[in-house]
Each structure stands twice: as structure tokens, then as C-alpha cells.
């Protein structure tokens, strides 16, 4: 996607992160956790599990023991909660 001149740095950074998450990161995790086409472990999750995982990776990072992809994992689980909430209220 081409950026236009009216796009702010914050918008560009958000778009780049979204592109990364949708492309490279999810492709890697889908290959690791996909049980069948379109069904992965996250399909069976719920908000409580996702909140716990965000807390787990956040605390690990806070303690200085974070791993390379912890921020992406936190963002992924936050997006799963967001999608579950949207589905619940549609």
C-alpha cells in the first residue's frame, strides 16, 4: 500500500505494524498453530485466556526476561479480544 502525503507518521507506523502483523507474523504463527485450514488454537480461546496471555507476556517483559516476539504476541491477543468483542455486539 502506498502512503500518501496526508498520512501522519503515527498513521504510517500503525499501517506498517498492521501490514507486518497480517503478513509475516500471522503467517509464521498460523503455520505453527493451525490445526486444519482456517482453524487454529486461538479459535478455541476466550477473553479470559487472551487477557491472561497478555498479562503473562507483559510481566515477562517487565521483569526484563522478554523475548523477541512478545510485543507481537501481546498485540495479537489484544486484537483477538477486539474481534471477539465486535462479534458479541454485532
N, C-alpha and C. Protein backbone atom coordinates (compact mmCIF):
# COMPACT_ATOMS: atom_id res chain seq x y z
N UNK A 1 0.85 -1.17 0.00
CA UNK A 1 0.00 0.00 0.00
C UNK A 1 0.90 1.24 0.00
N UNK A 2 0.65 2.15 -0.89
CA UNK A 2 1.41 3.39 -0.98
C UNK A 2 0.94 4.38 0.07
N UNK A 3 1.88 5.08 0.70
CA UNK A 3 1.47 6.11 1.64
C UNK A 3 1.28 7.41 0.88
N UNK A 4 0.30 8.20 1.29
CA UNK A 4 0.07 9.47 0.63
C UNK A 4 0.61 10.60 1.50
N UNK A 5 0.64 11.80 0.95
CA UNK A 5 1.27 12.92 1.64
C UNK A 5 0.49 13.37 2.86
N UNK A 6 -0.79 13.01 2.98
CA UNK A 6 -1.58 13.44 4.13
C UNK A 6 -1.48 12.46 5.29
N UNK A 7 -0.82 11.36 5.09
CA UNK A 7 -0.68 10.36 6.14
C UNK A 7 0.35 10.85 7.18
N UNK A 8 -0.03 10.80 8.44
CA UNK A 8 0.88 11.22 9.50
C UNK A 8 1.86 10.09 9.83
N UNK A 9 2.90 10.42 10.57
CA UNK A 9 3.86 9.39 10.99
C UNK A 9 3.19 8.31 11.81
N UNK A 10 2.26 8.72 12.68
CA UNK A 10 1.55 7.76 13.52
C UNK A 10 0.68 6.83 12.66
N UNK A 11 0.00 7.39 11.66
CA UNK A 11 -0.82 6.58 10.77
C UNK A 11 0.05 5.61 9.97
N UNK A 12 1.18 6.11 9.48
CA UNK A 12 2.08 5.26 8.71
C UNK A 12 2.63 4.13 9.58
N UNK A 13 3.03 4.45 10.81
CA UNK A 13 3.56 3.43 11.71
C UNK A 13 2.48 2.38 12.03
N UNK A 14 1.25 2.83 12.23
CA UNK A 14 0.14 1.90 12.51
C UNK A 14 -0.12 0.99 11.31
N UNK A 15 -0.10 1.57 10.11
CA UNK A 15 -0.33 0.78 8.90
C UNK A 15 0.79 -0.23 8.71
N UNK A 16 2.04 0.20 8.91
CA UNK A 16 3.18 -0.71 8.75
C UNK A 16 3.11 -1.86 9.76
N UNK A 17 2.71 -1.56 11.00
CA UNK A 17 2.58 -2.61 12.00
C UNK A 17 1.45 -3.57 11.62
N UNK A 18 0.33 -3.03 11.17
CA UNK A 18 -0.79 -3.88 10.75
C UNK A 18 -0.38 -4.77 9.58
N UNK A 19 0.34 -4.20 8.61
CA UNK A 19 0.81 -4.99 7.47
C UNK A 19 1.74 -6.11 7.94
N UNK A 20 2.63 -5.78 8.88
CA UNK A 20 3.54 -6.79 9.41
C UNK A 20 2.77 -7.89 10.13
N UNK A 21 1.84 -7.50 11.00
CA UNK A 21 1.08 -8.48 11.78
C UNK A 21 0.26 -9.38 10.86
N UNK A 22 -0.37 -8.78 9.85
CA UNK A 22 -1.21 -9.57 8.95
C UNK A 22 -0.38 -10.47 8.05
N UNK A 23 0.79 -10.01 7.69
CA UNK A 23 1.61 -10.77 6.76
C UNK A 23 2.56 -11.73 7.44
N UNK A 24 3.72 -11.23 7.77
CA UNK A 24 4.81 -12.07 8.26
C UNK A 24 4.50 -12.76 9.59
N UNK A 25 4.03 -12.02 10.58
CA UNK A 25 3.82 -12.60 11.91
C UNK A 25 2.73 -13.68 11.89
N UNK A 26 1.57 -13.37 11.32
CA UNK A 26 0.48 -14.35 11.32
C UNK A 26 0.79 -15.54 10.43
N UNK A 27 1.53 -15.33 9.36
CA UNK A 27 1.91 -16.47 8.51
C UNK A 27 2.78 -17.44 9.30
N UNK A 28 3.68 -16.90 10.12
CA UNK A 28 4.55 -17.75 10.93
C UNK A 28 3.76 -18.48 12.02
N UNK A 29 2.85 -17.75 12.69
CA UNK A 29 2.10 -18.39 13.77
C UNK A 29 1.03 -19.32 13.24
N UNK A 30 0.43 -18.98 12.09
CA UNK A 30 -0.57 -19.89 11.51
C UNK A 30 0.06 -21.24 11.18
N UNK A 31 1.26 -21.21 10.62
CA UNK A 31 1.94 -22.46 10.28
C UNK A 31 2.24 -23.27 11.54
N UNK A 32 2.49 -22.59 12.65
CA UNK A 32 2.84 -23.28 13.89
C UNK A 32 1.61 -23.83 14.62
N UNK A 33 0.50 -23.09 14.61
CA UNK A 33 -0.65 -23.44 15.44
C UNK A 33 -1.90 -23.87 14.69
N UNK A 34 -1.85 -23.90 13.37
CA UNK A 34 -3.05 -24.27 12.61
C UNK A 34 -3.33 -25.76 12.76
N UNK A 35 -4.56 -26.07 13.16
CA UNK A 35 -4.97 -27.47 13.33
C UNK A 35 -5.53 -28.02 12.03
N UNK A 36 -6.23 -27.19 11.30
CA UNK A 36 -6.81 -27.51 10.00
C UNK A 36 -6.98 -26.18 9.27
N UNK A 37 -7.23 -26.18 7.97
CA UNK A 37 -7.38 -24.91 7.26
C UNK A 37 -8.42 -24.00 7.93
N UNK A 38 -7.98 -22.82 8.36
CA UNK A 38 -8.88 -21.85 8.97
C UNK A 38 -9.17 -22.08 10.43
N UNK A 39 -8.63 -23.15 11.03
CA UNK A 39 -8.88 -23.43 12.45
C UNK A 39 -7.54 -23.49 13.16
N UNK A 40 -7.34 -22.60 14.13
CA UNK A 40 -6.12 -22.64 14.92
C UNK A 40 -6.49 -22.64 16.39
N UNK A 41 -5.49 -22.73 17.24
CA UNK A 41 -5.74 -22.80 18.68
C UNK A 41 -6.51 -21.58 19.19
N UNK A 42 -6.26 -20.42 18.59
CA UNK A 42 -6.95 -19.20 19.02
C UNK A 42 -8.46 -19.27 18.78
N UNK A 43 -8.89 -20.12 17.88
CA UNK A 43 -10.32 -20.28 17.61
C UNK A 43 -11.08 -20.80 18.83
N UNK A 44 -10.36 -21.46 19.72
CA UNK A 44 -10.98 -22.05 20.90
C UNK A 44 -10.81 -21.19 22.15
N UNK A 45 -10.17 -20.05 21.99
CA UNK A 45 -9.89 -19.19 23.12
C UNK A 45 -11.07 -18.33 23.52
N UNK A 46 -10.93 -17.69 24.66
CA UNK A 46 -11.92 -16.72 25.08
C UNK A 46 -11.20 -15.53 25.70
N UNK A 47 -11.96 -14.51 26.05
CA UNK A 47 -11.37 -13.27 26.54
C UNK A 47 -10.46 -13.49 27.76
N UNK A 48 -10.86 -14.33 28.67
CA UNK A 48 -10.09 -14.55 29.90
C UNK A 48 -8.71 -15.13 29.55
N UNK A 49 -8.68 -16.10 28.66
CA UNK A 49 -7.41 -16.70 28.26
C UNK A 49 -6.51 -15.67 27.60
N UNK A 50 -7.10 -14.86 26.70
CA UNK A 50 -6.31 -13.86 26.00
C UNK A 50 -5.79 -12.78 26.96
N UNK A 51 -6.62 -12.36 27.93
CA UNK A 51 -6.15 -11.41 28.94
C UNK A 51 -5.00 -12.01 29.75
N UNK A 52 -5.12 -13.27 30.12
CA UNK A 52 -4.06 -13.93 30.87
C UNK A 52 -2.76 -13.96 30.08
N UNK A 53 -2.85 -14.27 28.79
CA UNK A 53 -1.65 -14.34 27.96
C UNK A 53 -1.01 -12.96 27.79
N UNK A 54 -1.84 -11.91 27.65
CA UNK A 54 -1.29 -10.55 27.59
C UNK A 54 -0.55 -10.24 28.88
N UNK A 55 -1.15 -10.59 29.99
CA UNK A 55 -0.52 -10.36 31.30
C UNK A 55 0.79 -11.16 31.42
N UNK A 56 0.77 -12.40 30.99
CA UNK A 56 1.95 -13.27 31.06
C UNK A 56 3.12 -12.65 30.30
N UNK A 57 2.88 -12.26 29.03
CA UNK A 57 3.96 -11.70 28.23
C UNK A 57 4.36 -10.32 28.70
N UNK A 58 3.41 -9.55 29.21
CA UNK A 58 3.71 -8.23 29.75
C UNK A 58 4.59 -8.31 30.99
N UNK A 59 4.26 -9.21 31.89
CA UNK A 59 5.06 -9.38 33.12
C UNK A 59 6.45 -9.89 32.78
N UNK A 60 6.53 -10.81 31.85
CA UNK A 60 7.84 -11.33 31.45
C UNK A 60 8.71 -10.21 30.89
N UNK A 61 8.13 -9.35 30.08
CA UNK A 61 8.87 -8.21 29.54
C UNK A 61 9.25 -7.22 30.64
N UNK A 62 8.30 -6.96 31.53
CA UNK A 62 8.55 -6.03 32.64
C UNK A 62 9.71 -6.49 33.51
N UNK A 63 9.83 -7.79 33.70
CA UNK A 63 10.91 -8.35 34.52
C UNK A 63 12.25 -8.37 33.79
N UNK A 64 12.24 -7.93 32.52
CA UNK A 64 13.48 -7.93 31.75
C UNK A 64 13.81 -9.27 31.12
N UNK A 65 12.85 -10.19 31.10
CA UNK A 65 13.08 -11.52 30.56
C UNK A 65 12.28 -11.74 29.27
N UNK A 66 11.83 -10.63 28.66
CA UNK A 66 11.02 -10.72 27.46
C UNK A 66 11.78 -11.32 26.30
N UNK A 67 11.03 -11.89 25.40
CA UNK A 67 11.61 -12.48 24.19
C UNK A 67 11.29 -11.60 22.99
N UNK A 68 11.94 -11.88 21.89
CA UNK A 68 11.87 -11.03 20.70
C UNK A 68 10.44 -10.74 20.24
N UNK A 69 9.58 -11.72 20.24
CA UNK A 69 8.24 -11.55 19.67
C UNK A 69 7.14 -11.31 20.71
N UNK A 70 7.51 -11.05 21.95
CA UNK A 70 6.49 -10.79 22.98
C UNK A 70 5.58 -9.61 22.63
N UNK A 71 6.11 -8.48 22.14
CA UNK A 71 5.20 -7.38 21.79
C UNK A 71 4.19 -7.77 20.70
N UNK A 72 4.62 -8.57 19.74
CA UNK A 72 3.70 -9.02 18.70
C UNK A 72 2.64 -9.96 19.28
N UNK A 73 3.03 -10.80 20.22
CA UNK A 73 2.07 -11.70 20.85
C UNK A 73 1.02 -10.91 21.62
N UNK A 74 1.47 -9.89 22.35
CA UNK A 74 0.54 -9.05 23.10
C UNK A 74 -0.44 -8.37 22.14
N UNK A 75 0.08 -7.82 21.04
CA UNK A 75 -0.79 -7.17 20.05
C UNK A 75 -1.76 -8.16 19.43
N UNK A 76 -1.29 -9.36 19.15
CA UNK A 76 -2.15 -10.38 18.55
C UNK A 76 -3.30 -10.76 19.49
N UNK A 77 -2.99 -11.00 20.75
CA UNK A 77 -4.05 -11.37 21.69
C UNK A 77 -5.00 -10.21 21.94
N UNK A 78 -4.49 -8.98 21.95
CA UNK A 78 -5.37 -7.81 22.08
C UNK A 78 -6.32 -7.72 20.88
N UNK A 79 -5.82 -8.02 19.69
CA UNK A 79 -6.68 -7.99 18.52
C UNK A 79 -7.73 -9.10 18.56
N UNK A 80 -7.36 -10.25 19.14
CA UNK A 80 -8.34 -11.33 19.27
C UNK A 80 -9.48 -10.90 20.20
N UNK A 81 -9.15 -10.22 21.31
CA UNK A 81 -10.18 -9.72 22.22
C UNK A 81 -11.06 -8.71 21.49
N UNK A 82 -10.44 -7.83 20.73
CA UNK A 82 -11.19 -6.81 19.98
C UNK A 82 -12.17 -7.47 19.01
N UNK A 83 -11.71 -8.51 18.30
CA UNK A 83 -12.59 -9.21 17.36
C UNK A 83 -13.72 -9.93 18.08
N UNK A 84 -13.43 -10.57 19.21
CA UNK A 84 -14.48 -11.24 19.98
C UNK A 84 -15.52 -10.23 20.46
N UNK A 85 -15.06 -9.07 20.92
CA UNK A 85 -16.00 -8.04 21.38
C UNK A 85 -16.86 -7.52 20.24
N UNK A 86 -16.27 -7.34 19.08
CA UNK A 86 -17.04 -6.85 17.92
C UNK A 86 -18.11 -7.87 17.54
N UNK A 87 -17.75 -9.15 17.53
CA UNK A 87 -18.72 -10.20 17.18
C UNK A 87 -19.84 -10.25 18.21
N UNK A 88 -19.53 -10.03 19.48
CA UNK A 88 -20.53 -10.12 20.54
C UNK A 88 -21.56 -9.01 20.42
N UNK A 89 -21.16 -7.85 19.90
CA UNK A 89 -22.07 -6.71 19.86
C UNK A 89 -22.66 -6.43 18.49
N UNK A 90 -22.41 -7.31 17.52
CA UNK A 90 -23.00 -7.10 16.19
C UNK A 90 -24.36 -7.74 16.10
